[in-house]
């Protein structure tokens, strides 16, 4: 996504989907669900990208909305994916929307430099449809959603998923 490469100060992502069906992750999700070991170098390319961004002085924040009980995909993310993102420098927050949706939208999006909004569209089963630049977004609303998610989110390292050690 070219917007991700071009931001100068901050990138924020709100993740609302409870399951993402990503072909490149399928074998890892299956391995996780079968009780296998996380492969060495899991998500290394993404982690390297985040490390470069953070070392340049830019920030990457993400708020992941979660409903209990966690989906298998969220259990996989919690155990195998998110810890590496955090270690690479992402400010990753978990927002429990089980009992209160905090008036967050039903749409995943990226907000770059508080100026550019890109919607991420998915089928209900989590299959990615595409990304679309929002022309003339209500930036006040998107910044409000970001602020609400971050204020109700718990930093990943302090979040208790209540799902045991395997996720």
N, C-alpha and C. Protein backbone atom coordinates (compact mmCIF):
# COMPACT_ATOMS: atom_id res chain seq x y z
N UNK A 1 0.86 -1.17 0.00
CA UNK A 1 0.00 0.00 0.00
C UNK A 1 0.91 1.23 0.00
N UNK A 2 0.79 2.04 -1.02
CA UNK A 2 1.69 3.18 -1.18
C UNK A 2 1.56 4.21 -0.06
N UNK A 3 0.39 4.32 0.54
CA UNK A 3 0.20 5.28 1.63
C UNK A 3 1.04 4.89 2.84
N UNK A 4 1.18 3.60 3.04
CA UNK A 4 1.97 3.13 4.17
C UNK A 4 3.44 3.48 3.98
N UNK A 5 3.90 3.49 2.76
CA UNK A 5 5.29 3.85 2.48
C UNK A 5 5.53 5.35 2.51
N UNK A 6 4.48 6.14 2.38
CA UNK A 6 4.65 7.59 2.22
C UNK A 6 4.35 8.42 3.46
N UNK A 7 3.83 7.83 4.53
CA UNK A 7 3.48 8.68 5.67
C UNK A 7 4.74 9.23 6.32
N UNK A 8 4.60 10.40 6.96
CA UNK A 8 5.78 11.07 7.51
C UNK A 8 5.82 11.11 9.03
N UNK A 9 4.67 10.96 9.70
CA UNK A 9 4.65 11.08 11.16
C UNK A 9 4.01 9.86 11.82
N UNK A 10 2.76 9.55 11.44
CA UNK A 10 2.04 8.50 12.15
C UNK A 10 1.12 7.71 11.23
N UNK A 11 1.00 6.43 11.59
CA UNK A 11 0.05 5.53 10.93
C UNK A 11 -0.73 4.84 12.03
N UNK A 12 -2.05 4.83 11.88
CA UNK A 12 -2.92 4.18 12.84
C UNK A 12 -3.85 3.25 12.09
N UNK A 13 -4.00 2.03 12.61
CA UNK A 13 -4.94 1.10 12.00
C UNK A 13 -5.95 0.66 13.05
N UNK A 14 -7.23 0.72 12.66
CA UNK A 14 -8.30 0.14 13.45
C UNK A 14 -8.67 -1.17 12.79
N UNK A 15 -8.60 -2.25 13.55
CA UNK A 15 -8.96 -3.59 13.06
C UNK A 15 -10.24 -4.02 13.76
N UNK A 16 -11.29 -4.15 12.99
CA UNK A 16 -12.59 -4.54 13.52
C UNK A 16 -12.89 -6.01 13.26
N UNK A 17 -12.44 -6.52 12.12
CA UNK A 17 -12.69 -7.92 11.75
C UNK A 17 -12.23 -8.85 12.87
N UNK A 18 -12.96 -9.91 13.09
CA UNK A 18 -12.57 -10.91 14.08
C UNK A 18 -11.79 -12.06 13.46
N UNK A 19 -11.88 -12.17 12.15
CA UNK A 19 -11.14 -13.18 11.40
C UNK A 19 -10.68 -12.56 10.09
N UNK A 20 -9.42 -12.80 9.77
CA UNK A 20 -8.89 -12.41 8.46
C UNK A 20 -8.47 -13.69 7.77
N UNK A 21 -8.94 -13.87 6.55
CA UNK A 21 -8.63 -15.06 5.78
C UNK A 21 -7.57 -14.66 4.75
N UNK A 22 -6.32 -14.85 5.14
CA UNK A 22 -5.18 -14.41 4.32
C UNK A 22 -4.48 -15.66 3.80
N UNK A 23 -4.50 -15.87 2.49
CA UNK A 23 -3.90 -17.10 1.95
C UNK A 23 -2.46 -17.34 2.41
N UNK A 24 -1.65 -16.30 2.51
CA UNK A 24 -0.26 -16.48 2.92
C UNK A 24 -0.13 -16.93 4.37
N UNK A 25 -1.16 -16.74 5.17
CA UNK A 25 -1.13 -17.15 6.58
C UNK A 25 -1.77 -18.51 6.84
N UNK A 26 -2.42 -19.04 5.85
CA UNK A 26 -3.22 -20.25 6.07
C UNK A 26 -2.44 -21.39 6.71
N UNK A 27 -1.26 -21.69 6.18
CA UNK A 27 -0.51 -22.81 6.73
C UNK A 27 -0.05 -22.53 8.16
N UNK A 28 0.29 -21.29 8.46
CA UNK A 28 0.69 -20.96 9.84
C UNK A 28 -0.48 -21.05 10.80
N UNK A 29 -1.66 -20.61 10.38
CA UNK A 29 -2.84 -20.71 11.24
C UNK A 29 -3.14 -22.18 11.51
N UNK A 30 -3.08 -23.00 10.46
CA UNK A 30 -3.34 -24.43 10.64
C UNK A 30 -2.30 -25.07 11.57
N UNK A 31 -1.04 -24.68 11.40
CA UNK A 31 0.02 -25.21 12.27
C UNK A 31 -0.23 -24.80 13.72
N UNK A 32 -0.59 -23.55 13.95
CA UNK A 32 -0.91 -23.07 15.30
C UNK A 32 -2.06 -23.88 15.90
N UNK A 33 -3.14 -24.02 15.13
CA UNK A 33 -4.32 -24.73 15.65
C UNK A 33 -4.03 -26.21 15.93
N UNK A 34 -3.04 -26.76 15.23
CA UNK A 34 -2.65 -28.15 15.45
C UNK A 34 -1.66 -28.29 16.61
N UNK A 35 -1.30 -27.17 17.24
CA UNK A 35 -0.38 -27.23 18.37
C UNK A 35 1.08 -27.21 17.97
N UNK A 36 1.37 -26.83 16.74
CA UNK A 36 2.75 -26.80 16.27
C UNK A 36 3.54 -25.63 16.82
N UNK A 37 4.82 -25.63 16.50
CA UNK A 37 5.73 -24.57 16.92
C UNK A 37 5.71 -23.43 15.90
N UNK A 38 5.81 -22.21 16.40
CA UNK A 38 5.89 -21.04 15.52
C UNK A 38 7.17 -21.15 14.70
N UNK A 39 7.08 -20.99 13.38
CA UNK A 39 8.27 -21.08 12.53
C UNK A 39 9.26 -19.95 12.84
N UNK A 40 10.53 -20.23 12.75
CA UNK A 40 11.54 -19.20 12.91
C UNK A 40 11.33 -18.15 11.83
N UNK A 41 11.49 -16.91 12.20
CA UNK A 41 11.33 -15.83 11.23
C UNK A 41 9.89 -15.49 10.90
N UNK A 42 8.96 -15.97 11.72
CA UNK A 42 7.54 -15.70 11.48
C UNK A 42 7.31 -14.19 11.37
N UNK A 43 6.75 -13.72 10.27
CA UNK A 43 6.45 -12.30 10.01
C UNK A 43 7.69 -11.41 10.01
N UNK A 44 8.84 -11.97 9.71
CA UNK A 44 10.10 -11.21 9.77
C UNK A 44 10.10 -10.00 8.84
N UNK A 45 9.52 -10.13 7.66
CA UNK A 45 9.52 -9.00 6.72
C UNK A 45 8.73 -7.82 7.31
N UNK A 46 7.57 -8.10 7.88
CA UNK A 46 6.77 -7.04 8.49
C UNK A 46 7.51 -6.44 9.68
N UNK A 47 8.09 -7.27 10.50
CA UNK A 47 8.80 -6.77 11.68
C UNK A 47 9.97 -5.88 11.26
N UNK A 48 10.69 -6.27 10.22
CA UNK A 48 11.77 -5.43 9.72
C UNK A 48 11.27 -4.09 9.23
N UNK A 49 10.14 -4.11 8.56
CA UNK A 49 9.54 -2.86 8.07
C UNK A 49 9.16 -1.94 9.22
N UNK A 50 8.54 -2.51 10.25
CA UNK A 50 8.15 -1.71 11.42
C UNK A 50 9.40 -1.15 12.11
N UNK A 51 10.41 -1.96 12.27
CA UNK A 51 11.65 -1.49 12.90
C UNK A 51 12.24 -0.30 12.15
N UNK A 52 12.25 -0.37 10.81
CA UNK A 52 12.76 0.75 10.01
C UNK A 52 11.93 2.01 10.21
N UNK A 53 10.62 1.85 10.22
CA UNK A 53 9.72 2.99 10.39
C UNK A 53 9.96 3.65 11.75
N UNK A 54 9.96 2.83 12.79
CA UNK A 54 10.12 3.36 14.14
C UNK A 54 11.50 4.00 14.32
N UNK A 55 12.53 3.40 13.74
CA UNK A 55 13.88 3.98 13.88
C UNK A 55 14.00 5.31 13.14
N UNK A 56 13.09 5.56 12.19
CA UNK A 56 13.10 6.84 11.47
C UNK A 56 12.34 7.93 12.24
N UNK A 57 11.75 7.57 13.39
CA UNK A 57 11.03 8.54 14.21
C UNK A 57 9.54 8.57 13.97
N UNK A 58 9.04 7.73 13.09
CA UNK A 58 7.60 7.66 12.84
C UNK A 58 6.96 6.64 13.78
N UNK A 59 5.65 6.74 13.94
CA UNK A 59 4.95 5.82 14.83
C UNK A 59 3.93 4.99 14.05
N UNK A 60 3.75 3.77 14.52
CA UNK A 60 2.72 2.88 14.00
C UNK A 60 1.92 2.40 15.20
N UNK A 61 0.63 2.71 15.19
CA UNK A 61 -0.28 2.29 16.24
C UNK A 61 -1.37 1.44 15.62
N UNK A 62 -1.83 0.49 16.42
CA UNK A 62 -2.91 -0.36 15.95
C UNK A 62 -3.83 -0.64 17.13
N UNK A 63 -5.12 -0.60 16.87
CA UNK A 63 -6.11 -0.98 17.87
C UNK A 63 -6.90 -2.14 17.30
N UNK A 64 -6.87 -3.26 17.99
CA UNK A 64 -7.56 -4.47 17.57
C UNK A 64 -8.80 -4.66 18.43
N UNK A 65 -9.97 -4.53 17.82
CA UNK A 65 -11.22 -4.79 18.52
C UNK A 65 -11.39 -6.29 18.66
N UNK A 66 -11.72 -6.74 19.86
CA UNK A 66 -11.89 -8.17 20.10
C UNK A 66 -13.22 -8.42 20.81
N UNK A 67 -13.83 -9.52 20.42
CA UNK A 67 -15.03 -10.01 21.09
C UNK A 67 -14.71 -11.37 21.69
N UNK A 68 -15.24 -11.60 22.88
CA UNK A 68 -15.04 -12.90 23.53
C UNK A 68 -16.23 -13.79 23.25
N UNK A 69 -16.05 -15.06 23.05
CA UNK A 69 -14.76 -15.74 23.03
C UNK A 69 -13.98 -15.39 21.75
N UNK A 70 -12.66 -15.47 21.86
CA UNK A 70 -11.81 -15.15 20.73
C UNK A 70 -11.98 -16.18 19.62
N UNK A 71 -11.95 -15.70 18.38
CA UNK A 71 -11.95 -16.61 17.24
C UNK A 71 -10.62 -17.34 17.19
N UNK A 72 -10.57 -18.44 16.46
CA UNK A 72 -9.30 -19.15 16.28
C UNK A 72 -8.24 -18.23 15.69
N UNK A 73 -8.66 -17.37 14.77
CA UNK A 73 -7.70 -16.45 14.15
C UNK A 73 -7.14 -15.47 15.17
N UNK A 74 -7.98 -14.94 16.05
CA UNK A 74 -7.48 -14.02 17.07
C UNK A 74 -6.57 -14.74 18.06
N UNK A 75 -6.86 -15.98 18.36
CA UNK A 75 -5.96 -16.74 19.22
C UNK A 75 -4.60 -16.89 18.55
N UNK A 76 -4.60 -17.16 17.26
CA UNK A 76 -3.35 -17.25 16.49
C UNK A 76 -2.61 -15.92 16.52
N UNK A 77 -3.31 -14.82 16.25
CA UNK A 77 -2.67 -13.51 16.27
C UNK A 77 -2.07 -13.22 17.64
N UNK A 78 -2.84 -13.51 18.68
CA UNK A 78 -2.39 -13.23 20.04
C UNK A 78 -1.10 -14.00 20.36
N UNK A 79 -1.04 -15.23 19.96
CA UNK A 79 0.11 -16.07 20.32
C UNK A 79 1.30 -15.91 19.38
N UNK A 80 1.05 -15.77 18.09
CA UNK A 80 2.15 -15.83 17.13
C UNK A 80 2.47 -14.52 16.43
N UNK A 81 1.51 -13.67 16.21
CA UNK A 81 1.74 -12.49 15.37
C UNK A 81 1.96 -11.20 16.15
N UNK A 82 1.05 -10.89 17.03
CA UNK A 82 1.10 -9.60 17.71
C UNK A 82 2.36 -9.42 18.56
N UNK A 83 2.83 -10.45 19.29
CA UNK A 83 4.04 -10.23 20.09
C UNK A 83 5.24 -9.74 19.26
N UNK A 84 5.41 -10.27 18.07
CA UNK A 84 6.50 -9.82 17.21
C UNK A 84 6.30 -8.40 16.72
N UNK A 85 5.05 -8.03 16.44
CA UNK A 85 4.75 -6.66 16.02
C UNK A 85 5.12 -5.68 17.13
N UNK A 86 4.76 -6.04 18.36
CA UNK A 86 5.07 -5.18 19.51
C UNK A 86 6.58 -5.09 19.70
N UNK A 87 7.26 -6.22 19.63
CA UNK A 87 8.72 -6.22 19.80
C UNK A 87 9.41 -5.37 18.73
N UNK A 88 8.81 -5.31 17.54
CA UNK A 88 9.38 -4.51 16.45
C UNK A 88 9.12 -3.01 16.62
N UNK A 89 8.17 -2.66 17.51
CA UNK A 89 7.93 -1.25 17.78
C UNK A 89 6.52 -0.75 17.57
N UNK A 90 5.59 -1.62 17.18
CA UNK A 90 4.20 -1.18 17.04
C UNK A 90 3.59 -0.95 18.41
N UNK A 91 2.83 0.13 18.54
CA UNK A 91 2.00 0.36 19.72
C UNK A 91 0.69 -0.33 19.43
N UNK A 92 0.50 -1.51 19.99
CA UNK A 92 -0.63 -2.38 19.66
C UNK A 92 -1.55 -2.45 20.87
N UNK A 93 -2.80 -2.03 20.69
CA UNK A 93 -3.79 -2.02 21.78
C UNK A 93 -4.91 -3.00 21.47
N UNK A 94 -5.41 -3.62 22.52
CA UNK A 94 -6.52 -4.54 22.41
C UNK A 94 -7.75 -3.86 23.02
N UNK A 95 -8.82 -3.78 22.23
CA UNK A 95 -10.04 -3.09 22.66
C UNK A 95 -11.15 -4.13 22.75
N UNK A 96 -11.56 -4.45 23.96
CA UNK A 96 -12.61 -5.44 24.15
C UNK A 96 -13.97 -4.79 23.86
N UNK A 97 -14.63 -5.29 22.82
CA UNK A 97 -15.94 -4.76 22.42
C UNK A 97 -17.05 -5.78 22.68
N UNK A 98 -16.77 -6.75 23.54
CA UNK A 98 -17.75 -7.80 23.83
C UNK A 98 -19.05 -7.21 24.36
N UNK A 99 -18.94 -6.27 25.29
CA UNK A 99 -20.14 -5.72 25.93
C UNK A 99 -20.39 -4.26 25.56
N UNK A 100 -19.41 -3.60 24.95
CA UNK A 100 -19.56 -2.20 24.58
C UNK A 100 -18.72 -1.95 23.34
N UNK A 101 -19.36 -1.49 22.27
CA UNK A 101 -18.61 -1.28 21.03
C UNK A 101 -17.94 0.09 20.96
N UNK A 102 -18.12 0.90 22.02
CA UNK A 102 -17.49 2.22 22.15
C UNK A 102 -17.82 3.13 20.98
N UNK A 103 -18.89 2.84 20.25
CA UNK A 103 -19.30 3.63 19.09
C UNK A 103 -18.24 3.62 17.99
N UNK A 104 -17.50 2.52 17.92
CA UNK A 104 -16.50 2.37 16.85
C UNK A 104 -17.21 1.95 15.56
N UNK A 105 -16.62 2.26 14.43
CA UNK A 105 -17.26 1.87 13.16
C UNK A 105 -17.14 0.37 12.93
N UNK A 106 -17.81 -0.10 11.91
CA UNK A 106 -17.71 -1.52 11.53
C UNK A 106 -16.73 -1.69 10.38
N UNK A 107 -15.86 -0.73 10.20
CA UNK A 107 -14.96 -0.66 9.05
C UNK A 107 -13.50 -0.61 9.51
N UNK A 108 -12.67 -1.52 8.98
CA UNK A 108 -11.24 -1.42 9.21
C UNK A 108 -10.71 -0.23 8.40
N UNK A 109 -9.74 0.47 8.96
CA UNK A 109 -9.13 1.56 8.20
C UNK A 109 -7.73 1.87 8.70
N UNK A 110 -6.97 2.51 7.83
CA UNK A 110 -5.69 3.14 8.18
C UNK A 110 -5.91 4.64 8.15
N UNK A 111 -5.31 5.33 9.11
CA UNK A 111 -5.29 6.79 9.16
C UNK A 111 -3.82 7.19 9.16
N UNK A 112 -3.41 7.89 8.11
CA UNK A 112 -2.01 8.29 7.96
C UNK A 112 -1.87 9.79 8.18
N UNK A 113 -0.97 10.16 9.08
CA UNK A 113 -0.63 11.56 9.33
C UNK A 113 -1.86 12.43 9.62
N UNK A 114 -2.90 11.82 10.17
CA UNK A 114 -4.15 12.52 10.48
C UNK A 114 -4.69 13.27 9.27
N UNK A 115 -4.37 12.76 8.07
CA UNK A 115 -4.77 13.46 6.84
C UNK A 115 -5.31 12.54 5.75
N UNK A 116 -4.92 11.28 5.77
CA UNK A 116 -5.30 10.34 4.72
C UNK A 116 -5.95 9.12 5.35
N UNK A 117 -7.11 8.75 4.83
CA UNK A 117 -7.84 7.59 5.33
C UNK A 117 -7.98 6.57 4.20
N UNK A 118 -7.65 5.33 4.51
CA UNK A 118 -7.81 4.23 3.56
C UNK A 118 -8.66 3.16 4.23
N UNK A 119 -9.80 2.85 3.63
CA UNK A 119 -10.65 1.76 4.12
C UNK A 119 -10.10 0.44 3.62
N UNK A 120 -10.20 -0.57 4.46
CA UNK A 120 -9.83 -1.93 4.10
C UNK A 120 -11.13 -2.74 4.11
N UNK A 121 -11.46 -3.27 2.96
CA UNK A 121 -12.75 -3.94 2.80
C UNK A 121 -12.57 -5.46 2.79
N UNK A 122 -13.48 -6.14 3.50
CA UNK A 122 -13.42 -7.59 3.64
C UNK A 122 -14.80 -8.19 3.43
N UNK A 123 -14.83 -9.43 2.93
CA UNK A 123 -16.05 -10.21 2.94
C UNK A 123 -16.32 -10.61 4.39
N UNK A 124 -17.55 -11.00 4.72
CA UNK A 124 -17.84 -11.40 6.10
C UNK A 124 -16.94 -12.53 6.62
N UNK A 125 -16.43 -13.39 5.72
CA UNK A 125 -15.55 -14.48 6.16
C UNK A 125 -14.10 -14.05 6.33
N UNK A 126 -13.81 -12.76 6.15
CA UNK A 126 -12.46 -12.25 6.36
C UNK A 126 -11.59 -12.18 5.14
N UNK A 127 -12.12 -12.54 3.98
CA UNK A 127 -11.33 -12.46 2.74
C UNK A 127 -11.23 -10.99 2.32
N UNK A 128 -10.02 -10.56 2.07
CA UNK A 128 -9.75 -9.18 1.68
C UNK A 128 -10.33 -8.90 0.30
N UNK A 129 -11.07 -7.80 0.19
CA UNK A 129 -11.65 -7.37 -1.08
C UNK A 129 -10.76 -6.32 -1.72
N UNK A 130 -10.33 -5.35 -0.92
CA UNK A 130 -9.48 -4.31 -1.46
C UNK A 130 -9.37 -3.13 -0.52
N UNK A 131 -8.51 -2.20 -0.90
CA UNK A 131 -8.31 -0.97 -0.13
C UNK A 131 -8.78 0.19 -0.97
N UNK A 132 -9.39 1.16 -0.32
CA UNK A 132 -9.86 2.32 -1.07
C UNK A 132 -9.57 3.61 -0.30
N UNK A 133 -9.01 4.57 -1.01
CA UNK A 133 -8.78 5.88 -0.46
C UNK A 133 -10.12 6.55 -0.24
N UNK A 134 -10.32 7.12 0.94
CA UNK A 134 -11.56 7.84 1.22
C UNK A 134 -11.35 9.28 0.78
N UNK A 135 -12.11 9.69 -0.21
CA UNK A 135 -12.03 11.07 -0.71
C UNK A 135 -12.75 11.99 0.27
N UNK A 136 -12.12 13.05 0.66
CA UNK A 136 -12.69 14.04 1.59
C UNK A 136 -13.27 13.39 2.85
N UNK A 137 -12.44 12.65 3.59
CA UNK A 137 -12.94 12.02 4.82
C UNK A 137 -13.23 13.06 5.89
N UNK A 138 -14.11 12.70 6.80
CA UNK A 138 -14.36 13.53 7.98
C UNK A 138 -13.22 13.20 8.96
N UNK A 139 -12.12 13.92 8.85
CA UNK A 139 -10.93 13.62 9.64
C UNK A 139 -11.18 13.74 11.13
N UNK A 140 -12.06 14.64 11.52
CA UNK A 140 -12.40 14.76 12.94
C UNK A 140 -12.98 13.45 13.44
N UNK A 141 -13.86 12.81 12.66
CA UNK A 141 -14.47 11.55 13.06
C UNK A 141 -13.44 10.43 13.12
N UNK A 142 -12.58 10.33 12.11
CA UNK A 142 -11.58 9.26 12.12
C UNK A 142 -10.59 9.44 13.27
N UNK A 143 -10.20 10.66 13.56
CA UNK A 143 -9.31 10.93 14.70
C UNK A 143 -10.03 10.60 16.01
N UNK A 144 -11.34 10.87 16.07
CA UNK A 144 -12.11 10.53 17.27
C UNK A 144 -12.14 9.02 17.46
N UNK A 145 -12.42 8.28 16.38
CA UNK A 145 -12.42 6.81 16.48
C UNK A 145 -11.06 6.31 16.93
N UNK A 146 -10.00 6.87 16.38
CA UNK A 146 -8.65 6.49 16.80
C UNK A 146 -8.49 6.74 18.30
N UNK A 147 -8.85 7.94 18.74
CA UNK A 147 -8.66 8.30 20.14
C UNK A 147 -9.51 7.44 21.07
N UNK A 148 -10.74 7.14 20.68
CA UNK A 148 -11.60 6.27 21.49
C UNK A 148 -10.99 4.88 21.58
N UNK A 149 -10.56 4.33 20.46
CA UNK A 149 -9.97 2.99 20.47
C UNK A 149 -8.71 2.95 21.33
N UNK A 150 -7.86 3.95 21.17
CA UNK A 150 -6.63 3.96 21.97
C UNK A 150 -6.92 4.15 23.46
N UNK A 151 -7.90 4.98 23.78
CA UNK A 151 -8.18 5.24 25.20
C UNK A 151 -8.84 4.04 25.88
N UNK A 152 -9.61 3.23 25.13
CA UNK A 152 -10.24 2.05 25.70
C UNK A 152 -9.41 0.79 25.48
N UNK A 153 -8.35 0.93 24.71
CA UNK A 153 -7.49 -0.20 24.44
C UNK A 153 -6.47 -0.42 25.55
N UNK A 154 -6.14 -1.66 25.74
CA UNK A 154 -5.11 -2.05 26.71
C UNK A 154 -3.87 -2.41 25.91
N UNK A 155 -2.71 -1.87 26.29
CA UNK A 155 -1.49 -2.28 25.58
C UNK A 155 -1.37 -3.79 25.57
N UNK A 156 -0.97 -4.35 24.44
CA UNK A 156 -0.97 -5.79 24.26
C UNK A 156 -0.24 -6.51 25.39
N UNK A 157 0.90 -6.01 25.79
CA UNK A 157 1.68 -6.69 26.83
C UNK A 157 0.96 -6.77 28.17
N UNK A 158 -0.03 -5.91 28.39
CA UNK A 158 -0.77 -5.92 29.64
C UNK A 158 -2.16 -6.51 29.52
N UNK A 159 -2.49 -7.03 28.35
CA UNK A 159 -3.84 -7.52 28.10
C UNK A 159 -3.95 -8.98 28.48
N UNK A 160 -5.00 -9.32 29.19
CA UNK A 160 -5.26 -10.71 29.57
C UNK A 160 -6.42 -11.21 28.74
N UNK A 161 -6.12 -12.03 27.79
CA UNK A 161 -7.15 -12.54 26.89
C UNK A 161 -8.05 -13.54 27.61
N UNK A 162 -7.63 -14.03 28.74
CA UNK A 162 -8.44 -14.99 29.48
C UNK A 162 -8.58 -16.31 28.76
N UNK A 163 -7.60 -16.60 27.90
CA UNK A 163 -7.75 -17.81 27.08
C UNK A 163 -6.63 -18.83 27.34
N UNK A 164 -5.90 -18.66 28.40
CA UNK A 164 -4.84 -19.63 28.71
C UNK A 164 -3.55 -19.35 27.95
N UNK A 165 -2.51 -20.08 28.24
CA UNK A 165 -1.19 -19.78 27.67
C UNK A 165 -1.09 -19.96 26.16
N UNK A 166 -1.90 -20.80 25.57
CA UNK A 166 -1.80 -21.01 24.12
C UNK A 166 -2.65 -20.02 23.34
N UNK A 167 -3.36 -19.18 24.01
CA UNK A 167 -4.16 -18.19 23.29
C UNK A 167 -5.62 -18.47 23.42
